PDB file of all heavy atoms in Angstrom:
ATOM      1  N   GLN A   1    -110.994 -11.572 147.223  1.00  0.00           N
ATOM      2  CA  GLN A   1    -111.620 -12.820 147.341  1.00  0.00           C
ATOM      3  C   GLN A   1    -112.877 -13.046 146.334  1.00  0.00           C
ATOM      4  O   GLN A   1    -113.387 -14.184 146.234  1.00  0.00           O
ATOM      5  CB  GLN A   1    -112.216 -13.096 148.731  1.00  0.00           C
ATOM      6  CG  GLN A   1    -113.215 -12.080 149.241  1.00  0.00           C
ATOM      7  CD  GLN A   1    -113.586 -12.257 150.690  1.00  0.00           C
ATOM      8  OE1 GLN A   1    -114.295 -11.532 151.257  1.00  0.00           O
ATOM      9  NE2 GLN A   1    -112.848 -13.269 151.377  1.00  0.00           N
ATOM     10  N   LYS A   2    -113.132 -12.008 145.577  1.00  0.00           N
ATOM     11  CA  LYS A   2    -114.059 -12.106 144.406  1.00  0.00           C
ATOM     12  C   LYS A   2    -113.441 -12.875 143.274  1.00  0.00           C
ATOM     13  O   LYS A   2    -114.087 -13.419 142.428  1.00  0.00           O
ATOM     14  CB  LYS A   2    -114.519 -10.857 143.889  1.00  0.00           C
ATOM     15  CG  LYS A   2    -115.221  -9.935 145.004  1.00  0.00           C
ATOM     16  CD  LYS A   2    -115.596  -8.472 144.375  1.00  0.00           C
ATOM     17  CE  LYS A   2    -116.181  -7.581 145.362  1.00  0.00           C
ATOM     18  NZ  LYS A   2    -116.428  -6.288 144.843  1.00  0.00           N
ATOM     19  N   TRP A   3    -112.091 -12.948 143.249  1.00  0.00           N
ATOM     20  CA  TRP A   3    -111.421 -13.533 142.211  1.00  0.00           C
ATOM     21  C   TRP A   3    -110.741 -14.845 142.465  1.00  0.00           C
ATOM     22  O   TRP A   3    -110.632 -15.707 141.595  1.00  0.00           O
ATOM     23  CB  TRP A   3    -110.275 -12.558 141.697  1.00  0.00           C
ATOM     24  CG  TRP A   3    -110.814 -11.214 141.215  1.00  0.00           C
ATOM     25  CD1 TRP A   3    -111.018 -10.092 142.035  1.00  0.00           C
ATOM     26  CD2 TRP A   3    -111.213 -10.902 139.961  1.00  0.00           C
ATOM     27  NE1 TRP A   3    -111.513  -9.087 141.255  1.00  0.00           N
ATOM     28  CE2 TRP A   3    -111.690  -9.554 139.998  1.00  0.00           C
ATOM     29  CE3 TRP A   3    -111.257 -11.604 138.646  1.00  0.00           C
ATOM     30  CZ2 TRP A   3    -112.119  -8.873 138.857  1.00  0.00           C
ATOM     31  CZ3 TRP A   3    -111.795 -10.979 137.587  1.00  0.00           C
ATOM     32  CH2 TRP A   3    -112.196  -9.608 137.694  1.00  0.00           C
ATOM     33  N   PHE A   4    -110.324 -15.088 143.666  1.00  0.00           N
ATOM     34  CA  PHE A   4    -109.596 -16.403 144.041  1.00  0.00           C
ATOM     35  C   PHE A   4    -109.646 -16.492 145.601  1.00  0.00           C
ATOM     36  O   PHE A   4    -109.890 -15.540 146.249  1.00  0.00           O
ATOM     37  CB  PHE A   4    -108.259 -16.454 143.493  1.00  0.00           C
ATOM     38  CG  PHE A   4    -107.489 -15.157 143.611  1.00  0.00           C
ATOM     39  CD1 PHE A   4    -107.011 -14.637 144.812  1.00  0.00           C
ATOM     40  CD2 PHE A   4    -107.170 -14.439 142.398  1.00  0.00           C
ATOM     41  CE1 PHE A   4    -106.309 -13.453 144.901  1.00  0.00           C
ATOM     42  CE2 PHE A   4    -106.525 -13.232 142.447  1.00  0.00           C
ATOM     43  CZ  PHE A   4    -106.022 -12.773 143.614  1.00  0.00           C
ATOM     44  N   PRO A   5    -109.455 -17.623 146.064  1.00  0.00           N
ATOM     45  CA  PRO A   5    -109.400 -17.838 147.600  1.00  0.00           C
ATOM     46  C   PRO A   5    -108.219 -17.150 148.211  1.00  0.00           C
ATOM     47  O   PRO A   5    -107.100 -17.243 147.827  1.00  0.00           O
ATOM     48  CB  PRO A   5    -109.285 -19.392 147.732  1.00  0.00           C
ATOM     49  CG  PRO A   5    -109.672 -20.006 146.417  1.00  0.00           C
ATOM     50  CD  PRO A   5    -109.305 -18.985 145.400  1.00  0.00           C
ATOM     51  N   VAL A   6    -108.551 -16.414 149.337  1.00  0.00           N
ATOM     52  CA  VAL A   6    -107.550 -15.808 150.112  1.00  0.00           C
ATOM     53  C   VAL A   6    -107.690 -16.193 151.572  1.00  0.00           C
ATOM     54  O   VAL A   6    -108.706 -16.682 151.942  1.00  0.00           O
ATOM     55  CB  VAL A   6    -107.648 -14.290 149.950  1.00  0.00           C
ATOM     56  CG1 VAL A   6    -107.414 -13.807 148.538  1.00  0.00           C
ATOM     57  CG2 VAL A   6    -108.863 -13.790 150.514  1.00  0.00           C
ATOM     58  N   SER A   7    -106.709 -15.872 152.361  1.00  0.00           N
ATOM     59  CA  SER A   7    -106.745 -16.166 153.777  1.00  0.00           C
ATOM     60  C   SER A   7    -106.251 -14.964 154.532  1.00  0.00           C
ATOM     61  O   SER A   7    -105.148 -14.447 154.370  1.00  0.00           O
ATOM     62  CB  SER A   7    -105.728 -17.377 154.064  1.00  0.00           C
ATOM     63  OG  SER A   7    -105.693 -17.670 155.367  1.00  0.00           O
ATOM     64  N   TYR A   8    -107.112 -14.506 155.442  1.00  0.00           N
ATOM     65  CA  TYR A   8    -106.794 -13.444 156.341  1.00  0.00           C
ATOM     66  C   TYR A   8    -106.277 -13.969 157.606  1.00  0.00           C
ATOM     67  O   TYR A   8    -106.880 -14.859 158.257  1.00  0.00           O
ATOM     68  CB  TYR A   8    -108.108 -12.590 156.616  1.00  0.00           C
ATOM     69  CG  TYR A   8    -107.820 -11.407 157.532  1.00  0.00           C
ATOM     70  CD1 TYR A   8    -107.459 -10.114 156.973  1.00  0.00           C
ATOM     71  CD2 TYR A   8    -107.908 -11.506 158.857  1.00  0.00           C
ATOM     72  CE1 TYR A   8    -107.219  -9.025 157.690  1.00  0.00           C
ATOM     73  CE2 TYR A   8    -107.785 -10.389 159.660  1.00  0.00           C
ATOM     74  CZ  TYR A   8    -107.381  -9.182 159.137  1.00  0.00           C
ATOM     75  OH  TYR A   8    -107.097  -8.104 159.918  1.00  0.00           O
ATOM     76  N   ASP A   9    -105.165 -13.548 158.129  1.00  0.00           N
ATOM     77  CA  ASP A   9    -104.494 -14.048 159.287  1.00  0.00           C
ATOM     78  C   ASP A   9    -103.920 -12.813 160.170  1.00  0.00           C
ATOM     79  O   ASP A   9    -103.038 -12.202 159.604  1.00  0.00           O
ATOM     80  CB  ASP A   9    -103.463 -15.025 158.963  1.00  0.00           C
ATOM     81  CG  ASP A   9    -102.977 -15.830 160.176  1.00  0.00           C
ATOM     82  OD1 ASP A   9    -103.374 -15.444 161.269  1.00  0.00           O
ATOM     83  OD2 ASP A   9    -102.099 -16.752 159.983  1.00  0.00           O
ATOM     84  N   ASP A  10    -104.326 -12.662 161.343  1.00  0.00           N
ATOM     85  CA  ASP A  10    -103.711 -11.625 162.200  1.00  0.00           C
ATOM     86  C   ASP A  10    -103.193 -12.181 163.524  1.00  0.00           C
ATOM     87  O   ASP A  10    -103.035 -11.394 164.403  1.00  0.00           O
ATOM     88  CB  ASP A  10    -104.743 -10.452 162.426  1.00  0.00           C
ATOM     89  CG  ASP A  10    -106.037 -10.927 163.133  1.00  0.00           C
ATOM     90  OD1 ASP A  10    -106.022 -12.072 163.652  1.00  0.00           O
ATOM     91  OD2 ASP A  10    -106.988 -10.120 163.111  1.00  0.00           O
ATOM     92  N   GLY A  11    -102.986 -13.480 163.618  1.00  0.00           N
ATOM     93  CA  GLY A  11    -102.608 -14.114 164.782  1.00  0.00           C
ATOM     94  C   GLY A  11    -101.148 -14.370 164.861  1.00  0.00           C
ATOM     95  O   GLY A  11    -100.626 -15.083 164.086  1.00  0.00           O
ATOM     96  N   GLY A  12    -100.482 -13.823 166.023  1.00  0.00           N
ATOM     97  CA  GLY A  12     -99.162 -14.068 166.206  1.00  0.00           C
ATOM     98  C   GLY A  12     -98.116 -13.187 165.372  1.00  0.00           C
ATOM     99  O   GLY A  12     -98.576 -12.378 164.481  1.00  0.00           O
ATOM    100  N   ALA A  13     -96.823 -13.459 165.474  1.00  0.00           N
ATOM    101  CA  ALA A  13     -95.909 -12.845 164.726  1.00  0.00           C
ATOM    102  C   ALA A  13     -95.984 -13.037 163.198  1.00  0.00           C
ATOM    103  O   ALA A  13     -96.456 -14.165 162.843  1.00  0.00           O
ATOM    104  CB  ALA A  13     -94.438 -13.201 165.139  1.00  0.00           C
ATOM    105  N   VAL A  14     -95.565 -12.112 162.426  1.00  0.00           N
ATOM    106  CA  VAL A  14     -95.751 -12.318 161.011  1.00  0.00           C
ATOM    107  C   VAL A  14     -94.945 -13.491 160.447  1.00  0.00           C
ATOM    108  O   VAL A  14     -95.387 -14.252 159.646  1.00  0.00           O
ATOM    109  CB  VAL A  14     -95.192 -10.968 160.301  1.00  0.00           C
ATOM    110  CG1 VAL A  14     -95.084 -11.267 158.813  1.00  0.00           C
ATOM    111  CG2 VAL A  14     -96.147  -9.862 160.484  1.00  0.00           C
ATOM    112  N   GLY A  15     -93.778 -13.729 161.049  1.00  0.00           N
ATOM    113  CA  GLY A  15     -92.967 -14.868 160.686  1.00  0.00           C
ATOM    114  C   GLY A  15     -93.678 -16.183 160.856  1.00  0.00           C
ATOM    115  O   GLY A  15     -93.631 -17.013 160.002  1.00  0.00           O
ATOM    116  N   ARG A  16     -94.380 -16.271 161.917  1.00  0.00           N
ATOM    117  CA  ARG A  16     -95.165 -17.524 162.262  1.00  0.00           C
ATOM    118  C   ARG A  16     -96.413 -17.662 161.225  1.00  0.00           C
ATOM    119  O   ARG A  16     -96.813 -18.660 160.780  1.00  0.00           O
ATOM    120  CB  ARG A  16     -95.782 -17.557 163.616  1.00  0.00           C
ATOM    121  CG  ARG A  16     -94.721 -17.756 164.716  1.00  0.00           C
ATOM    122  CD  ARG A  16     -95.315 -17.802 166.047  1.00  0.00           C
ATOM    123  NE  ARG A  16     -94.314 -18.064 167.102  1.00  0.00           N
ATOM    124  CZ  ARG A  16     -94.577 -18.142 168.363  1.00  0.00           C
ATOM    125  NH1 ARG A  16     -95.769 -17.978 168.796  1.00  0.00           N
ATOM    126  NH2 ARG A  16     -93.608 -18.290 169.202  1.00  0.00           N
ATOM    127  N   ARG A  17     -96.997 -16.451 160.828  1.00  0.00           N
ATOM    128  CA  ARG A  17     -98.041 -16.456 159.844  1.00  0.00           C
ATOM    129  C   ARG A  17     -97.526 -16.896 158.412  1.00  0.00           C
ATOM    130  O   ARG A  17     -98.164 -17.627 157.789  1.00  0.00           O
ATOM    131  CB  ARG A  17     -98.620 -15.074 159.802  1.00  0.00           C
ATOM    132  CG  ARG A  17     -99.519 -14.820 160.989  1.00  0.00           C
ATOM    133  CD  ARG A  17    -100.177 -13.350 160.808  1.00  0.00           C
ATOM    134  NE  ARG A  17     -99.537 -12.448 161.640  1.00  0.00           N
ATOM    135  CZ  ARG A  17     -99.756 -11.058 161.692  1.00  0.00           C
ATOM    136  NH1 ARG A  17    -100.624 -10.644 160.787  1.00  0.00           N
ATOM    137  NH2 ARG A  17     -99.127 -10.213 162.472  1.00  0.00           N
ATOM    138  N   TYR A  18     -96.292 -16.507 158.146  1.00  0.00           N
ATOM    139  CA  TYR A  18     -95.737 -16.916 156.840  1.00  0.00           C
ATOM    140  C   TYR A  18     -95.516 -18.394 156.854  1.00  0.00           C
ATOM    141  O   TYR A  18     -95.834 -19.073 155.842  1.00  0.00           O
ATOM    142  CB  TYR A  18     -94.322 -16.243 156.723  1.00  0.00           C
ATOM    143  CG  TYR A  18     -94.393 -14.799 156.323  1.00  0.00           C
ATOM    144  CD1 TYR A  18     -93.226 -14.001 156.672  1.00  0.00           C
ATOM    145  CD2 TYR A  18     -95.281 -14.208 155.562  1.00  0.00           C
ATOM    146  CE1 TYR A  18     -93.223 -12.588 156.340  1.00  0.00           C
ATOM    147  CE2 TYR A  18     -95.224 -12.946 155.176  1.00  0.00           C
ATOM    148  CZ  TYR A  18     -94.185 -12.212 155.533  1.00  0.00           C
ATOM    149  OH  TYR A  18     -94.201 -10.806 155.151  1.00  0.00           O
ATOM    150  N   ARG A  19     -95.059 -18.962 157.977  1.00  0.00           N
ATOM    151  CA  ARG A  19     -94.848 -20.419 157.986  1.00  0.00           C
ATOM    152  C   ARG A  19     -96.125 -21.165 157.919  1.00  0.00           C
ATOM    153  O   ARG A  19     -96.257 -22.289 157.353  1.00  0.00           O
ATOM    154  CB  ARG A  19     -94.229 -20.813 159.384  1.00  0.00           C
ATOM    155  CG  ARG A  19     -92.806 -20.313 159.519  1.00  0.00           C
ATOM    156  CD  ARG A  19     -91.896 -20.921 158.423  1.00  0.00           C
ATOM    157  NE  ARG A  19     -90.538 -20.524 158.580  1.00  0.00           N
ATOM    158  CZ  ARG A  19     -89.592 -21.087 159.326  1.00  0.00           C
ATOM    159  NH1 ARG A  19     -89.950 -22.164 160.080  1.00  0.00           N
ATOM    160  NH2 ARG A  19     -88.400 -20.665 159.352  1.00  0.00           N
ATOM    161  N   ARG A  20     -97.281 -20.680 158.525  1.00  0.00           N
ATOM    162  CA  ARG A  20     -98.542 -21.423 158.407  1.00  0.00           C
ATOM    163  C   ARG A  20     -98.996 -21.342 156.939  1.00  0.00           C
ATOM    164  O   ARG A  20     -99.526 -22.388 156.382  1.00  0.00           O
ATOM    165  CB  ARG A  20     -99.658 -20.614 159.240  1.00  0.00           C
ATOM    166  CG  ARG A  20     -99.456 -20.910 160.786  1.00  0.00           C
ATOM    167  CD  ARG A  20    -100.658 -20.577 161.483  1.00  0.00           C
ATOM    168  NE  ARG A  20    -101.033 -19.202 161.511  1.00  0.00           N
ATOM    169  CZ  ARG A  20    -100.571 -18.416 162.638  1.00  0.00           C
ATOM    170  NH1 ARG A  20     -99.896 -18.853 163.581  1.00  0.00           N
ATOM    171  NH2 ARG A  20    -100.940 -17.092 162.599  1.00  0.00           N
ATOM    172  N   GLN A  21     -98.781 -20.263 156.265  1.00  0.00           N
ATOM    173  CA  GLN A  21     -99.125 -20.252 154.780  1.00  0.00           C
ATOM    174  C   GLN A  21     -98.160 -21.147 154.003  1.00  0.00           C
ATOM    175  O   GLN A  21     -98.568 -21.720 152.982  1.00  0.00           O
ATOM    176  CB  GLN A  21     -99.097 -18.731 154.290  1.00  0.00           C
ATOM    177  CG  GLN A  21    -100.149 -17.898 154.960  1.00  0.00           C
ATOM    178  CD  GLN A  21    -101.604 -18.339 154.748  1.00  0.00           C
ATOM    179  OE1 GLN A  21    -101.964 -18.795 153.700  1.00  0.00           O
ATOM    180  NE2 GLN A  21    -102.360 -18.224 155.704  1.00  0.00           N
ATOM    181  N   ASP A  22     -96.965 -21.126 154.338  1.00  0.00           N
ATOM    182  CA  ASP A  22     -95.999 -21.985 153.584  1.00  0.00           C
ATOM    183  C   ASP A  22     -96.533 -23.432 153.613  1.00  0.00           C
ATOM    184  O   ASP A  22     -96.403 -24.204 152.688  1.00  0.00           O
ATOM    185  CB  ASP A  22     -94.572 -21.921 154.253  1.00  0.00           C
ATOM    186  CG  ASP A  22     -94.007 -20.578 153.990  1.00  0.00           C
ATOM    187  OD1 ASP A  22     -94.328 -19.925 153.117  1.00  0.00           O
ATOM    188  OD2 ASP A  22     -92.905 -20.314 154.701  1.00  0.00           O
ATOM    189  N   GLU A  23     -96.914 -23.836 154.837  1.00  0.00           N
ATOM    190  CA  GLU A  23     -97.355 -25.336 155.093  1.00  0.00           C
ATOM    191  C   GLU A  23     -98.581 -25.670 154.208  1.00  0.00           C
ATOM    192  O   GLU A  23     -98.746 -26.852 153.945  1.00  0.00           O
ATOM    193  CB  GLU A  23     -97.593 -25.477 156.584  1.00  0.00           C
ATOM    194  CG  GLU A  23     -97.561 -26.951 156.983  1.00  0.00           C
ATOM    195  CD  GLU A  23     -97.580 -27.084 158.447  1.00  0.00           C
ATOM    196  OE1 GLU A  23     -98.313 -26.442 159.176  1.00  0.00           O
ATOM    197  OE2 GLU A  23     -96.838 -28.014 159.018  1.00  0.00           O
ATOM    198  N   VAL A  24     -99.319 -24.759 153.847  1.00  0.00           N
ATOM    199  CA  VAL A  24    -100.578 -25.077 152.973  1.00  0.00           C
ATOM    200  C   VAL A  24    -100.245 -24.660 151.577  1.00  0.00           C
ATOM    201  O   VAL A  24    -101.158 -24.958 150.689  1.00  0.00           O
ATOM    202  CB  VAL A  24    -101.775 -24.461 153.528  1.00  0.00           C
ATOM    203  CG1 VAL A  24    -102.083 -24.954 154.984  1.00  0.00           C
ATOM    204  CG2 VAL A  24    -101.724 -22.941 153.455  1.00  0.00           C
ATOM    205  N   GLY A  25     -99.177 -24.062 151.200  1.00  0.00           N
ATOM    206  CA  GLY A  25     -98.776 -23.924 149.787  1.00  0.00           C
ATOM    207  C   GLY A  25     -99.131 -22.611 149.270  1.00  0.00           C
ATOM    208  O   GLY A  25     -99.222 -22.436 148.014  1.00  0.00           O
ATOM    209  N   THR A  26     -99.486 -21.597 150.102  1.00  0.00           N
ATOM    210  CA  THR A  26     -99.920 -20.263 149.564  1.00  0.00           C
ATOM    211  C   THR A  26     -98.776 -19.583 148.952  1.00  0.00           C
ATOM    212  O   THR A  26     -97.693 -19.351 149.590  1.00  0.00           O
ATOM    213  CB  THR A  26    -100.460 -19.412 150.769  1.00  0.00           C
ATOM    214  OG1 THR A  26    -101.468 -20.099 151.450  1.00  0.00           O
ATOM    215  CG2 THR A  26    -100.942 -18.053 150.265  1.00  0.00           C
ATOM    216  N   PRO A  27     -98.774 -19.247 147.618  1.00  0.00           N
ATOM    217  CA  PRO A  27     -97.692 -18.777 146.923  1.00  0.00           C
ATOM    218  C   PRO A  27     -97.247 -17.273 147.318  1.00  0.00           C
ATOM    219  O   PRO A  27     -96.060 -16.964 147.162  1.00  0.00           O
ATOM    220  CB  PRO A  27     -98.085 -18.884 145.453  1.00  0.00           C
ATOM    221  CG  PRO A  27     -99.505 -18.787 145.446  1.00  0.00           C
ATOM    222  CD  PRO A  27     -99.985 -19.525 146.769  1.00  0.00           C
ATOM    223  N   PHE A  28     -98.204 -16.536 147.800  1.00  0.00           N
ATOM    224  CA  PHE A  28     -97.968 -15.080 148.048  1.00  0.00           C
ATOM    225  C   PHE A  28     -98.564 -14.660 149.332  1.00  0.00           C
ATOM    226  O   PHE A  28     -99.735 -15.046 149.622  1.00  0.00           O
ATOM    227  CB  PHE A  28     -98.409 -14.179 146.911  1.00  0.00           C
ATOM    228  CG  PHE A  28     -97.873 -14.497 145.583  1.00  0.00           C
ATOM    229  CD1 PHE A  28     -98.698 -15.131 144.580  1.00  0.00           C
ATOM    230  CD2 PHE A  28     -96.584 -14.393 145.188  1.00  0.00           C
ATOM    231  CE1 PHE A  28     -98.215 -15.509 143.317  1.00  0.00           C
ATOM    232  CE2 PHE A  28     -96.099 -14.766 143.908  1.00  0.00           C
ATOM    233  CZ  PHE A  28     -96.824 -15.275 143.019  1.00  0.00           C
ATOM    234  N   CYS A  29     -97.855 -13.778 150.045  1.00  0.00           N
ATOM    235  CA  CYS A  29     -98.428 -13.134 151.273  1.00  0.00           C
ATOM    236  C   CYS A  29     -98.382 -11.674 151.124  1.00  0.00           C
ATOM    237  O   CYS A  29     -97.312 -11.088 150.827  1.00  0.00           O
ATOM    238  CB  CYS A  29     -97.726 -13.671 152.509  1.00  0.00           C
ATOM    239  SG  CYS A  29     -98.050 -15.394 152.897  1.00  0.00           S
ATOM    240  N   VAL A  30     -99.424 -10.974 151.463  1.00  0.00           N
ATOM    241  CA  VAL A  30     -99.475  -9.563 151.461  1.00  0.00           C
ATOM    242  C   VAL A  30     -99.565  -8.990 152.835  1.00  0.00           C
ATOM    243  O   VAL A  30    -100.418  -9.429 153.566  1.00  0.00           O
ATOM    244  CB  VAL A  30    -100.761  -9.025 150.558  1.00  0.00           C
ATOM    245  CG1 VAL A  30    -100.839  -7.537 150.634  1.00  0.00           C
ATOM    246  CG2 VAL A  30    -100.613  -9.488 149.125  1.00  0.00           C
ATOM    247  N   THR A  31     -98.655  -8.048 153.172  1.00  0.00           N
ATOM    248  CA  THR A  31     -98.568  -7.480 154.530  1.00  0.00           C
ATOM    249  C   THR A  31     -98.879  -6.011 154.507  1.00  0.00           C
ATOM    250  O   THR A  31     -98.123  -5.272 153.718  1.00  0.00           O
ATOM    251  CB  THR A  31     -97.248  -7.839 155.254  1.00  0.00           C
ATOM    252  OG1 THR A  31     -97.047  -9.217 155.285  1.00  0.00           O
ATOM    253  CG2 THR A  31     -97.325  -7.248 156.736  1.00  0.00           C
ATOM    254  N   VAL A  32     -99.829  -5.531 155.240  1.00  0.00           N
ATOM    255  CA  VAL A  32    -100.116  -4.136 155.417  1.00  0.00           C
ATOM    256  C   VAL A  32     -99.326  -3.647 156.676  1.00  0.00           C
ATOM    257  O   VAL A  32     -99.514  -4.167 157.692  1.00  0.00           O
ATOM    258  CB  VAL A  32    -101.633  -3.938 155.579  1.00  0.00           C
ATOM    259  CG1 VAL A  32    -101.922  -2.370 155.828  1.00  0.00           C
ATOM    260  CG2 VAL A  32    -102.467  -4.296 154.368  1.00  0.00           C
ATOM    261  N   ASP A  33     -98.418  -2.713 156.425  1.00  0.00           N
ATOM    262  CA  ASP A  33     -97.465  -2.298 157.483  1.00  0.00           C
ATOM    263  C   ASP A  33     -97.506  -0.788 157.680  1.00  0.00           C
ATOM    264  O   ASP A  33     -98.468  -0.060 157.215  1.00  0.00           O
ATOM    265  CB  ASP A  33     -96.046  -2.815 157.232  1.00  0.00           C
ATOM    266  CG  ASP A  33     -95.562  -2.395 155.854  1.00  0.00           C
ATOM    267  OD1 ASP A  33     -96.204  -1.397 155.277  1.00  0.00           O
ATOM    268  OD2 ASP A  33     -94.630  -2.984 155.314  1.00  0.00           O
ATOM    269  N   PHE A  34     -96.582  -0.288 158.458  1.00  0.00           N
ATOM    270  CA  PHE A  34     -96.645   1.139 158.775  1.00  0.00           C
ATOM    271  C   PHE A  34     -96.357   2.031 157.486  1.00  0.00           C
ATOM    272  O   PHE A  34     -96.993   3.147 157.381  1.00  0.00           O
ATOM    273  CB  PHE A  34     -95.665   1.489 159.835  1.00  0.00           C
ATOM    274  CG  PHE A  34     -96.020   0.950 161.184  1.00  0.00           C
ATOM    275  CD1 PHE A  34     -95.481  -0.151 161.730  1.00  0.00           C
ATOM    276  CD2 PHE A  34     -97.026   1.705 161.879  1.00  0.00           C
ATOM    277  CE1 PHE A  34     -95.963  -0.608 163.073  1.00  0.00           C
ATOM    278  CE2 PHE A  34     -97.463   1.230 163.171  1.00  0.00           C
ATOM    279  CZ  PHE A  34     -96.867   0.098 163.679  1.00  0.00           C
ATOM    280  N   GLU A  35     -95.539   1.424 156.668  1.00  0.00           N
ATOM    281  CA  GLU A  35     -95.331   2.183 155.361  1.00  0.00           C
ATOM    282  C   GLU A  35     -96.653   2.394 154.514  1.00  0.00           C
ATOM    283  O   GLU A  35     -96.881   3.363 153.866  1.00  0.00           O
ATOM    284  CB  GLU A  35     -94.299   1.492 154.479  1.00  0.00           C
ATOM    285  CG  GLU A  35     -92.868   1.652 154.864  1.00  0.00           C
ATOM    286  CD  GLU A  35     -92.440   0.827 156.200  1.00  0.00           C
ATOM    287  OE1 GLU A  35     -93.285   0.002 156.549  1.00  0.00           O
ATOM    288  OE2 GLU A  35     -91.371   1.085 156.726  1.00  0.00           O
ATOM    289  N   THR A  36     -97.451   1.393 154.579  1.00  0.00           N
ATOM    290  CA  THR A  36     -98.694   1.378 153.924  1.00  0.00           C
ATOM    291  C   THR A  36     -99.543   2.523 154.248  1.00  0.00           C
ATOM    292  O   THR A  36    -100.234   3.184 153.461  1.00  0.00           O
ATOM    293  CB  THR A  36     -99.533   0.006 154.099  1.00  0.00           C
ATOM    294  OG1 THR A  36     -98.694  -1.047 153.726  1.00  0.00           O
ATOM    295  CG2 THR A  36    -100.732   0.032 153.234  1.00  0.00           C
ATOM    296  N   ILE A  37     -99.617   2.815 155.654  1.00  0.00           N
ATOM    297  CA  ILE A  37    -100.410   3.885 156.078  1.00  0.00           C
ATOM    298  C   ILE A  37     -99.687   5.220 156.254  1.00  0.00           C
ATOM    299  O   ILE A  37    -100.230   6.169 156.948  1.00  0.00           O
ATOM    300  CB  ILE A  37    -101.113   3.441 157.386  1.00  0.00           C
ATOM    301  CG1 ILE A  37    -100.057   3.134 158.508  1.00  0.00           C
ATOM    302  CG2 ILE A  37    -101.980   2.251 157.196  1.00  0.00           C
ATOM    303  CD1 ILE A  37    -100.627   2.751 159.837  1.00  0.00           C
ATOM    304  N   GLY A  38     -98.572   5.374 155.691  1.00  0.00           N
ATOM    305  CA  GLY A  38     -97.760   6.544 155.743  1.00  0.00           C
ATOM    306  C   GLY A  38     -97.086   6.869 157.024  1.00  0.00           C
ATOM    307  O   GLY A  38     -96.783   8.024 157.314  1.00  0.00           O
TER     308      GLY A  38
END
């Protein structure tokens, strides 16, 4: 967020979060999952 606007969202299923971001035009979504933490 030092470089550009970002949105943090942890509410509900990931699929629903994707849809919320789609509706406002967010081009990329980054998900931290179990693979991320080994």
